[in-house]
């Protein structure tokens, strides 16, 4: 066991991409293989979407809009805070 640990530590320490090497070691030790056979799916308001382009666009729209909505809320809050003060 100590020999294996030293071997794996040596592999990781000499690796350019330590994270990838560590993941490869873990996969080999646990006999796990990546399962890419399943098609990606997303449930949008009860509709099961399987088209990867629509899924990507949905995520992009969501994360783009959440930034805009957050900025708008911050600006409104700042304006409300300013209007509460009398100078």
C-alpha atoms as a PDB file:
ATOM      1  CA  UNK A   1       0.000   0.000   0.000  1.00  0.00           C
ATOM      2  CA  UNK A   2       2.809   2.440   0.867  1.00  0.00           C
ATOM      3  CA  UNK A   3       4.501   1.644  -2.450  1.00  0.00           C
ATOM      4  CA  UNK A   4       1.347   2.439  -4.413  1.00  0.00           C
ATOM      5  CA  UNK A   5       0.887   5.696  -2.517  1.00  0.00           C
ATOM      6  CA  UNK A   6       4.449   6.734  -3.280  1.00  0.00           C
ATOM      7  CA  UNK A   7       3.979   5.761  -6.927  1.00  0.00           C
ATOM      8  CA  UNK A   8       0.803   7.837  -7.278  1.00  0.00           C
ATOM      9  CA  UNK A   9       2.336  10.792  -5.424  1.00  0.00           C
ATOM     10  CA  UNK A  10       5.292  10.651  -7.826  1.00  0.00           C
ATOM     11  CA  UNK A  11       2.965  10.555 -10.856  1.00  0.00           C
ATOM     12  CA  UNK A  12       1.074  13.594  -9.600  1.00  0.00           C
ATOM     13  CA  UNK A  13       4.161  15.573  -8.619  1.00  0.00           C
ATOM     14  CA  UNK A  14       5.764  15.047 -12.052  1.00  0.00           C
ATOM     15  CA  UNK A  15       2.576  15.827 -13.952  1.00  0.00           C
ATOM     16  CA  UNK A  16       2.040  19.095 -15.801  1.00  0.00           C
ATOM     17  CA  UNK A  17      -1.723  18.879 -15.162  1.00  0.00           C
ATOM     18  CA  UNK A  18      -1.911  17.584 -11.594  1.00  0.00           C
ATOM     19  CA  UNK A  19      -5.707  17.727 -11.373  1.00  0.00           C
ATOM     20  CA  UNK A  20      -6.171  15.653 -14.514  1.00  0.00           C
ATOM     21  CA  UNK A  21      -3.568  13.134 -13.366  1.00  0.00           C
ATOM     22  CA  UNK A  22      -5.199  12.818  -9.943  1.00  0.00           C
ATOM     23  CA  UNK A  23      -8.619  12.287 -11.546  1.00  0.00           C
ATOM     24  CA  UNK A  24      -7.185   9.634 -13.847  1.00  0.00           C
ATOM     25  CA  UNK A  25      -5.658   7.812 -10.894  1.00  0.00           C
ATOM     26  CA  UNK A  26      -8.915   7.933  -8.949  1.00  0.00           C
ATOM     27  CA  UNK A  27     -10.852   6.636 -11.967  1.00  0.00           C
ATOM     28  CA  UNK A  28      -8.420   3.785 -12.461  1.00  0.00           C
ATOM     29  CA  UNK A  29      -8.593   2.829  -8.771  1.00  0.00           C
ATOM     30  CA  UNK A  30     -12.388   2.933  -8.616  1.00  0.00           C
ATOM     31  CA  UNK A  31     -12.873   1.368 -12.067  1.00  0.00           C
ATOM     32  CA  UNK A  32     -15.175   4.238 -13.007  1.00  0.00           C
ATOM     33  CA  UNK A  33     -15.593   5.106 -16.640  1.00  0.00           C
ATOM     34  CA  UNK A  34     -17.146   8.292 -17.949  1.00  0.00           C
ATOM     35  CA  UNK A  35     -20.720   7.659 -19.032  1.00  0.00           C
ATOM     36  CA  UNK A  36     -21.339   9.981 -21.944  1.00  0.00           C
ATOM     37  CA  UNK A  37     -24.012   7.777 -23.456  1.00  0.00           C
ATOM     38  CA  UNK A  38     -26.931   9.706 -21.967  1.00  0.00           C
ATOM     39  CA  UNK A  39     -28.320  12.606 -23.898  1.00  0.00           C
ATOM     40  CA  UNK A  40     -28.403  15.890 -21.949  1.00  0.00           C
ATOM     41  CA  UNK A  41     -31.894  16.948 -20.905  1.00  0.00           C
ATOM     42  CA  UNK A  42     -33.325  20.007 -19.220  1.00  0.00           C
ATOM     43  CA  UNK A  43     -36.775  20.483 -17.742  1.00  0.00           C
ATOM     44  CA  UNK A  44     -38.013  23.980 -18.587  1.00  0.00           C
ATOM     45  CA  UNK A  45     -41.384  24.736 -17.033  1.00  0.00           C
ATOM     46  CA  UNK A  46     -42.521  21.138 -17.474  1.00  0.00           C
ATOM     47  CA  UNK A  47     -41.105  20.734 -20.996  1.00  0.00           C
ATOM     48  CA  UNK A  48     -38.279  18.219 -21.355  1.00  0.00           C
ATOM     49  CA  UNK A  49     -35.698  19.733 -23.718  1.00  0.00           C
ATOM     50  CA  UNK A  50     -33.154  17.412 -25.367  1.00  0.00           C
ATOM     51  CA  UNK A  51     -31.662  19.693 -28.029  1.00  0.00           C
ATOM     52  CA  UNK A  52     -28.162  20.712 -26.805  1.00  0.00           C
ATOM     53  CA  UNK A  53     -28.341  24.044 -28.660  1.00  0.00           C
ATOM     54  CA  UNK A  54     -31.615  24.990 -26.961  1.00  0.00           C
ATOM     55  CA  UNK A  55     -30.216  23.893 -23.580  1.00  0.00           C
ATOM     56  CA  UNK A  56     -27.099  26.022 -24.117  1.00  0.00           C
ATOM     57  CA  UNK A  57     -29.173  29.031 -25.216  1.00  0.00           C
ATOM     58  CA  UNK A  58     -31.448  28.643 -22.188  1.00  0.00           C
ATOM     59  CA  UNK A  59     -28.487  28.653 -19.799  1.00  0.00           C
ATOM     60  CA  UNK A  60     -26.918  31.594 -21.627  1.00  0.00           C
ATOM     61  CA  UNK A  61     -30.154  33.590 -21.511  1.00  0.00           C
ATOM     62  CA  UNK A  62     -30.665  32.820 -17.831  1.00  0.00           C
ATOM     63  CA  UNK A  63     -27.174  33.812 -16.722  1.00  0.00           C
ATOM     64  CA  UNK A  64     -27.117  36.880 -18.974  1.00  0.00           C
ATOM     65  CA  UNK A  65     -30.465  38.063 -17.643  1.00  0.00           C
ATOM     66  CA  UNK A  66     -29.633  37.426 -13.998  1.00  0.00           C
ATOM     67  CA  UNK A  67     -26.690  39.829 -14.250  1.00  0.00           C
ATOM     68  CA  UNK A  68     -28.841  42.525 -15.832  1.00  0.00           C
ATOM     69  CA  UNK A  69     -31.590  42.001 -13.254  1.00  0.00           C
ATOM     70  CA  UNK A  70     -29.094  42.185 -10.395  1.00  0.00           C
ATOM     71  CA  UNK A  71     -27.584  45.419 -11.702  1.00  0.00           C
ATOM     72  CA  UNK A  72     -31.055  46.926 -12.117  1.00  0.00           C
ATOM     73  CA  UNK A  73     -31.966  45.984  -8.528  1.00  0.00           C
ATOM     74  CA  UNK A  74     -28.748  47.511  -7.212  1.00  0.00           C
ATOM     75  CA  UNK A  75     -29.349  50.753  -9.108  1.00  0.00           C
ATOM     76  CA  UNK A  76     -32.949  50.950  -7.847  1.00  0.00           C
ATOM     77  CA  UNK A  77     -31.797  50.290  -4.281  1.00  0.00           C
ATOM     78  CA  UNK A  78     -29.111  52.968  -4.566  1.00  0.00           C
ATOM     79  CA  UNK A  79     -31.671  55.434  -5.923  1.00  0.00           C
ATOM     80  CA  UNK A  80     -34.066  54.620  -3.066  1.00  0.00           C
ATOM     81  CA  UNK A  81     -31.289  55.084  -0.519  1.00  0.00           C
ATOM     82  CA  UNK A  82     -30.372  58.465  -2.018  1.00  0.00           C
ATOM     83  CA  UNK A  83     -33.976  59.677  -2.022  1.00  0.00           C
ATOM     84  CA  UNK A  84     -34.337  58.877   1.705  1.00  0.00           C
ATOM     85  CA  UNK A  85     -31.630  61.346   2.625  1.00  0.00           C
ATOM     86  CA  UNK A  86     -32.252  65.064   2.631  1.00  0.00           C
ATOM     87  CA  UNK A  87     -29.210  67.178   1.972  1.00  0.00           C
END
